[in-house]
Amino acid sequence: MKIGLDAMGGDYAPDAVVEGAVDALGQLPEGDRIVLIGDNSRIRARLASLNAEPSLFDIVPTTEVIEMSDHPAKAFSQKRDSSIAVGFGMLKGGLIDGFASAGNTGAMMVGASYTVNVIPGVYRPALAALIPNLNGKSSVLLDVGINPDSKPDVLLQYGLLGTVYARHVLGVTNPVVGLLNIGTEESKGSSAVKAAYELLNESSDINFRGNIEGHHLFTDEMTDVIVCDGFVGNVVLKMAEKFYVVARSRGVNDSFFERLNFEVVGGTPVVGINENVVVGHGISNRKAIMNMILTTRDVVHADLAGKIREAFGA
């Protein structure tokens, strides 16, 4: 397995990225490689400062960087020797098995949609985040940011995308799907959510339980897959991350709240595209980068993109 890593992506790149890669290397099986894509001299300088042998990594030199402030589409098309553009080119060419970046999320989505492309039959790809449960398990929440206003047929597909993710990455045999809403009654919600309820309820491909509410989250009542549009999902995700910050600021040191820490989560897979891509926080530090790499390993090992192609091909 070869995991491509955007060494120039994130507020603390390339130092934090290289540090995280060094930490992750010890948790990967022998034979797996991390491919560092970015400024060759800066990557090697940081490896040297860490007393890390450069031969343990594959280093692909690039001369450009897509900055956080850059316009995603313009930068991706104009900066062809950027770490993000080169990474997607390698992914499309089969030179790496997965690609991870804490860089410009918009540029990552441009690369995902127009380089490796959306899987035929998928209306919109989604970001799928893991939400912890008090019983120690996790559920898949999607979308958490790509599509803030989703039509009913897109929400239906999120149910299928999340089902494939829960089955093959989390190991849930028959994932239960819930639609996040303001009430459990079928009549509740916006017109799009009510229409999505009908589609989900009629689908033979999804084990749909019905609506779930915000107070079901993080408990045993939370379904294995939680469907919502990107606006709602992003609010839930960022609120959960802030709970961790608040808990720590008040002296709470608890294993459950630690699972809300974005550093532990590492990154969020983009589901519905032809290859395995993981996006991390722009503020990712050493620990977050390490876990982003390990998340990429998990989705590559599960062949998540391939399993989704199979589901939509069927």
Protein backbone atom coordinates (compact mmCIF):
# COMPACT_ATOMS: atom_id res chain seq x y z
CA MET A 1 0.00 0.00 0.00
CA LYS A 2 1.20 3.50 -0.85
CA ILE A 3 -0.39 6.45 0.93
CA GLY A 4 0.13 9.81 -0.74
CA LEU A 5 0.45 12.75 1.66
CA ASP A 6 0.28 16.42 0.76
CA ALA A 7 3.35 17.63 2.64
CA MET A 8 2.48 21.27 1.95
CA GLY A 9 -1.13 21.12 3.16
CA GLY A 10 -2.20 22.79 6.39
CA ASP A 11 -1.31 25.77 8.54
CA TYR A 12 1.78 24.07 9.98
CA ALA A 13 3.09 22.41 6.83
CA PRO A 14 5.48 20.97 6.02
CA ASP A 15 6.89 20.51 9.54
CA ALA A 16 3.77 19.07 11.20
CA VAL A 17 3.03 16.92 8.16
CA VAL A 18 6.49 15.37 8.12
CA GLU A 19 6.37 14.86 11.89
CA GLY A 20 3.02 13.11 11.63
CA ALA A 21 4.30 10.94 8.80
CA VAL A 22 7.27 9.84 10.91
CA ASP A 23 4.93 8.92 13.78
CA ALA A 24 2.52 7.05 11.49
CA LEU A 25 5.27 5.04 9.85
CA GLY A 26 5.75 2.95 12.98
CA GLN A 27 2.07 1.95 12.95
CA LEU A 28 1.97 0.78 9.34
CA PRO A 29 2.72 -2.81 8.30
CA GLU A 30 6.11 -3.56 6.80
CA GLY A 31 6.02 -2.84 3.10
CA ASP A 32 3.53 0.02 3.30
CA ARG A 33 4.95 3.34 2.16
CA ILE A 34 4.13 6.97 2.83
CA VAL A 35 4.69 9.18 -0.21
CA LEU A 36 5.56 12.75 0.78
CA ILE A 37 4.57 15.18 -1.98
CA GLY A 38 5.92 18.71 -1.76
CA ASP A 39 9.01 20.90 -1.38
CA ASN A 40 11.92 18.45 -1.51
CA SER A 41 14.45 20.54 0.43
CA ARG A 42 12.03 21.44 3.22
CA ILE A 43 10.82 17.86 3.57
CA ARG A 44 14.38 16.53 3.79
CA ALA A 45 15.41 19.27 6.22
CA ARG A 46 12.60 18.36 8.59
CA LEU A 47 13.38 14.64 8.31
CA ALA A 48 16.99 15.40 9.16
CA SER A 49 15.99 17.42 12.23
CA LEU A 50 13.95 14.42 13.40
CA ASN A 51 16.83 12.01 12.71
CA ALA A 52 14.50 10.16 10.33
CA GLU A 53 15.99 8.27 7.41
CA PRO A 54 14.66 9.74 4.10
CA SER A 55 14.84 6.32 2.43
CA LEU A 56 11.94 5.20 4.64
CA PHE A 57 9.68 7.46 2.57
CA ASP A 58 9.04 8.11 -1.09
CA ILE A 59 9.56 11.82 -1.76
CA VAL A 60 7.96 13.42 -4.82
CA PRO A 61 9.25 16.99 -5.34
CA THR A 62 6.85 19.78 -6.32
CA THR A 63 7.44 23.49 -6.83
CA GLU A 64 4.04 25.05 -6.10
CA VAL A 65 1.59 25.25 -3.20
CA ILE A 66 -2.16 25.82 -3.27
CA GLU A 67 -2.61 28.20 -0.38
CA MET A 68 -5.64 28.21 1.93
CA SER A 69 -6.64 31.62 0.52
CA ASP A 70 -6.43 30.53 -3.14
CA HIS A 71 -9.55 30.11 -5.26
CA PRO A 72 -9.88 26.29 -5.39
CA ALA A 73 -10.73 25.75 -9.07
CA LYS A 74 -8.37 28.42 -10.42
CA ALA A 75 -5.47 27.30 -8.25
CA PHE A 76 -5.95 23.64 -9.12
CA SER A 77 -5.93 24.37 -12.86
CA GLN A 78 -3.13 26.94 -12.78
CA LYS A 79 -0.77 25.38 -10.24
CA ARG A 80 -0.23 22.07 -11.99
CA ASP A 81 2.97 21.38 -10.05
CA SER A 82 1.33 21.92 -6.68
CA SER A 83 1.36 19.12 -4.11
CA ILE A 84 -2.43 18.71 -4.39
CA ALA A 85 -2.53 18.59 -8.20
CA VAL A 86 0.43 16.19 -8.38
CA GLY A 87 -1.09 14.03 -5.66
CA PHE A 88 -4.33 13.63 -7.56
CA GLY A 89 -2.42 12.91 -10.75
CA MET A 90 -0.56 10.12 -8.98
CA LEU A 91 -3.81 8.80 -7.53
CA LYS A 92 -5.47 8.73 -10.93
CA GLY A 93 -2.42 7.04 -12.43
CA GLY A 94 -2.40 4.29 -9.81
CA LEU A 95 0.95 5.36 -8.34
CA ILE A 96 -0.60 5.72 -4.88
CA ASP A 97 -3.56 3.90 -3.29
CA GLY A 98 -4.93 6.81 -1.28
CA PHE A 99 -4.32 10.53 -0.92
CA ALA A 100 -4.59 12.67 2.22
CA SER A 101 -4.28 16.41 2.76
CA ALA A 102 -4.94 19.03 5.42
CA GLY A 103 -4.70 21.71 2.75
CA ASN A 104 -7.26 23.72 0.79
CA THR A 105 -10.48 21.70 1.10
CA GLY A 106 -12.03 23.31 -1.96
CA ALA A 107 -9.04 22.35 -4.10
CA MET A 108 -9.22 18.82 -2.72
CA MET A 109 -12.87 18.61 -3.79
CA VAL A 110 -12.03 19.97 -7.25
CA GLY A 111 -9.38 17.27 -7.60
CA ALA A 112 -11.74 14.60 -6.28
CA SER A 113 -14.55 15.57 -8.66
CA TYR A 114 -12.59 16.32 -11.82
CA THR A 115 -9.42 14.21 -11.63
CA VAL A 116 -10.45 10.86 -10.15
CA ASN A 117 -14.12 11.72 -10.81
CA VAL A 118 -17.39 10.96 -9.10
CA ILE A 119 -18.57 7.34 -9.30
CA PRO A 120 -21.18 6.94 -12.07
CA GLY A 121 -24.64 7.04 -10.54
CA VAL A 122 -23.60 9.12 -7.53
CA TYR A 123 -25.30 12.53 -7.60
CA ARG A 124 -23.03 14.25 -5.09
CA PRO A 125 -20.02 13.00 -3.12
CA ALA A 126 -20.05 13.57 0.64
CA LEU A 127 -17.73 13.99 3.59
CA ALA A 128 -18.35 11.17 6.06
CA ALA A 129 -17.39 11.81 9.69
CA LEU A 130 -17.36 9.39 12.61
CA ILE A 131 -19.45 10.31 15.65
CA PRO A 132 -18.59 8.49 18.91
CA ASN A 133 -21.13 6.57 20.96
CA LEU A 134 -21.04 6.23 24.74
CA ASN A 135 -20.81 2.45 24.31
CA GLY A 136 -17.43 2.80 22.59
CA LYS A 137 -18.63 2.38 19.02
CA SER A 138 -18.92 5.00 16.27
CA SER A 139 -21.55 6.01 13.74
CA VAL A 140 -21.16 7.53 10.28
CA LEU A 141 -22.54 11.06 9.84
CA LEU A 142 -22.89 12.43 6.30
CA ASP A 143 -22.71 14.91 4.74
CA VAL A 144 -20.63 17.17 7.01
CA GLY A 145 -19.78 19.99 4.66
CA ILE A 146 -19.70 19.51 0.91
CA ASN A 147 -23.37 20.03 0.06
CA PRO A 148 -25.12 22.47 2.42
CA ASP A 149 -28.48 22.12 0.68
CA SER A 150 -29.24 18.57 -0.50
CA LYS A 151 -32.21 17.34 -2.49
CA PRO A 152 -34.18 14.27 -1.34
CA ASP A 153 -32.57 11.91 -3.86
CA VAL A 154 -29.13 13.01 -2.68
CA LEU A 155 -30.08 12.33 0.94
CA LEU A 156 -31.28 8.89 -0.14
CA GLN A 157 -27.87 8.19 -1.64
CA TYR A 158 -26.17 9.35 1.54
CA GLY A 159 -28.00 6.50 3.23
CA LEU A 160 -26.45 4.03 0.81
CA LEU A 161 -22.98 5.63 0.93
CA GLY A 162 -23.05 5.57 4.72
CA THR A 163 -24.24 1.97 4.74
CA VAL A 164 -21.28 0.87 2.61
CA TYR A 165 -18.89 2.82 4.85
CA ALA A 166 -20.31 1.36 8.08
CA ARG A 167 -20.31 -2.17 6.70
CA HIS A 168 -16.80 -2.26 5.25
CA VAL A 169 -14.84 0.17 7.42
CA LEU A 170 -16.61 -0.17 10.78
CA GLY A 171 -17.55 -3.83 10.33
CA VAL A 172 -21.29 -3.42 10.98
CA THR A 173 -23.11 -6.33 9.31
CA ASN A 174 -26.46 -4.66 8.69
CA PRO A 175 -26.10 -0.93 9.42
CA VAL A 176 -29.19 0.89 10.66
CA VAL A 177 -29.82 4.24 8.98
CA GLY A 178 -31.50 7.25 10.58
CA LEU A 179 -32.49 10.62 9.12
CA LEU A 180 -31.50 13.53 11.37
CA ASN A 181 -34.57 15.69 11.92
CA ILE A 182 -36.37 17.96 14.40
CA GLY A 183 -38.70 15.15 15.45
CA THR A 184 -39.20 11.42 15.06
CA GLU A 185 -42.59 11.80 13.40
CA GLU A 186 -42.71 11.24 9.65
CA SER A 187 -44.53 14.56 9.20
CA LYS A 188 -41.73 16.64 10.76
CA GLY A 189 -39.01 18.59 8.96
CA SER A 190 -38.48 20.62 5.82
CA SER A 191 -40.07 19.59 2.52
CA ALA A 192 -36.76 18.09 1.36
CA VAL A 193 -36.32 16.06 4.55
CA LYS A 194 -39.92 14.80 4.46
CA ALA A 195 -39.48 13.73 0.84
CA ALA A 196 -36.18 12.05 1.73
CA TYR A 197 -37.94 10.14 4.51
CA GLU A 198 -40.32 8.62 1.96
CA LEU A 199 -37.46 7.64 -0.38
CA LEU A 200 -35.40 6.11 2.42
CA ASN A 201 -38.40 4.26 3.79
CA GLU A 202 -39.17 2.76 0.39
CA SER A 203 -35.58 1.70 -0.39
CA SER A 204 -34.80 -2.03 -0.24
CA ASP A 205 -31.05 -1.30 -0.15
CA ILE A 206 -31.10 0.50 3.20
CA ASN A 207 -32.03 -0.64 6.70
CA PHE A 208 -33.94 2.55 7.52
CA ARG A 209 -35.21 3.09 11.07
CA GLY A 210 -36.79 6.53 10.56
CA ASN A 211 -36.06 9.97 11.94
CA ILE A 212 -33.68 10.54 14.82
CA GLU A 213 -33.25 13.75 16.80
CA GLY A 214 -30.28 15.62 18.16
CA HIS A 215 -30.70 14.13 21.63
CA HIS A 216 -30.17 10.64 20.17
CA LEU A 217 -26.63 11.53 19.11
CA PHE A 218 -23.71 10.14 21.15
CA THR A 219 -26.00 7.60 22.88
CA ASP A 220 -27.10 4.00 22.36
CA GLU A 221 -30.12 5.38 20.49
CA MET A 222 -27.90 6.70 17.71
CA THR A 223 -28.17 4.75 14.45
CA ASP A 224 -25.11 3.31 12.68
CA VAL A 225 -25.56 5.80 9.83
CA ILE A 226 -26.93 9.33 10.26
CA VAL A 227 -28.11 11.14 7.13
CA CYS A 228 -28.31 14.93 6.86
CA ASP A 229 -27.34 17.74 4.50
CA GLY A 230 -23.91 19.33 4.73
CA PHE A 231 -25.16 22.41 6.57
CA VAL A 232 -26.62 20.44 9.47
CA GLY A 233 -23.79 17.91 9.49
CA ASN A 234 -21.10 20.56 9.64
CA VAL A 235 -22.82 22.29 12.56
CA VAL A 236 -23.07 18.98 14.45
CA LEU A 237 -19.43 18.11 13.76
CA LYS A 238 -18.01 21.47 14.82
CA MET A 239 -20.23 21.58 17.89
CA ALA A 240 -18.96 18.14 18.91
CA GLU A 241 -15.36 19.26 18.45
CA LYS A 242 -16.03 22.32 20.61
CA PHE A 243 -17.47 20.13 23.36
CA TYR A 244 -14.02 18.56 23.64
CA VAL A 245 -12.37 21.97 23.96
CA VAL A 246 -14.88 23.10 26.60
CA ALA A 247 -14.50 19.84 28.55
CA ARG A 248 -10.71 20.16 28.63
CA SER A 249 -10.91 23.85 29.61
CA ARG A 250 -13.00 22.83 32.63
CA GLY A 251 -10.54 20.15 33.69
CA VAL A 252 -12.53 17.19 32.38
CA ASN A 253 -10.25 14.40 31.21
CA ASP A 254 -12.51 11.67 29.91
CA SER A 255 -11.99 9.00 27.23
CA PHE A 256 -15.33 9.72 25.58
CA PHE A 257 -14.64 13.44 25.14
CA GLU A 258 -11.18 12.58 23.84
CA ARG A 259 -12.89 10.86 20.90
CA LEU A 260 -14.39 14.25 19.97
CA ASN A 261 -10.89 15.68 19.59
CA PHE A 262 -10.20 16.39 15.92
CA GLU A 263 -6.59 15.37 16.50
CA VAL A 264 -7.74 11.84 17.34
CA VAL A 265 -10.14 11.69 14.37
CA GLY A 266 -7.43 12.90 12.00
CA GLY A 267 -9.37 13.20 8.77
CA THR A 268 -12.66 12.74 6.97
CA PRO A 269 -13.03 10.48 3.89
CA VAL A 270 -14.65 11.78 0.73
CA VAL A 271 -17.18 9.11 -0.27
CA GLY A 272 -18.73 8.72 -3.71
CA ILE A 273 -15.57 9.23 -5.78
CA ASN A 274 -13.51 6.64 -7.64
CA GLU A 275 -10.48 6.69 -5.34
CA ASN A 276 -9.74 6.90 -1.63
CA VAL A 277 -9.27 10.50 -0.49
CA VAL A 278 -9.14 11.87 3.08
CA VAL A 279 -9.37 15.53 4.07
CA GLY A 280 -7.99 16.88 7.35
CA HIS A 281 -8.35 20.11 9.34
CA GLY A 282 -6.26 23.04 8.17
CA ILE A 283 -5.03 23.45 11.75
CA SER A 284 -3.81 19.84 11.89
CA ASN A 285 -0.78 19.32 14.10
CA ARG A 286 1.56 16.35 14.34
CA LYS A 287 -0.94 14.07 16.08
CA ALA A 288 -3.78 14.97 13.71
CA ILE A 289 -1.62 14.30 10.65
CA MET A 290 -0.60 10.91 12.03
CA ASN A 291 -4.24 9.94 12.54
CA MET A 292 -5.21 11.30 9.12
CA ILE A 293 -2.69 8.91 7.60
CA LEU A 294 -4.05 6.01 9.66
CA THR A 295 -7.61 6.86 8.59
CA THR A 296 -6.44 6.78 4.98
CA ARG A 297 -4.89 3.38 5.63
CA ASP A 298 -8.21 2.09 6.96
CA VAL A 299 -10.29 3.24 3.98
CA VAL A 300 -7.70 1.93 1.51
CA HIS A 301 -7.54 -1.40 3.32
CA ALA A 302 -11.34 -1.65 3.21
CA ASP A 303 -11.32 -0.66 -0.49
CA LEU A 304 -14.10 1.79 0.34
CA ALA A 305 -14.17 3.42 -3.10
CA GLY A 306 -14.29 0.00 -4.78
CA LYS A 307 -17.10 -1.19 -2.52
CA ILE A 308 -19.13 1.93 -3.33
CA ARG A 309 -18.57 1.37 -7.06
CA GLU A 310 -19.87 -2.17 -6.62
CA ALA A 311 -22.95 -0.93 -4.74
CA PHE A 312 -23.84 1.61 -7.41
CA GLY A 313 -22.92 -0.71 -10.23
CA ALA A 314 -25.39 -3.25 -8.88
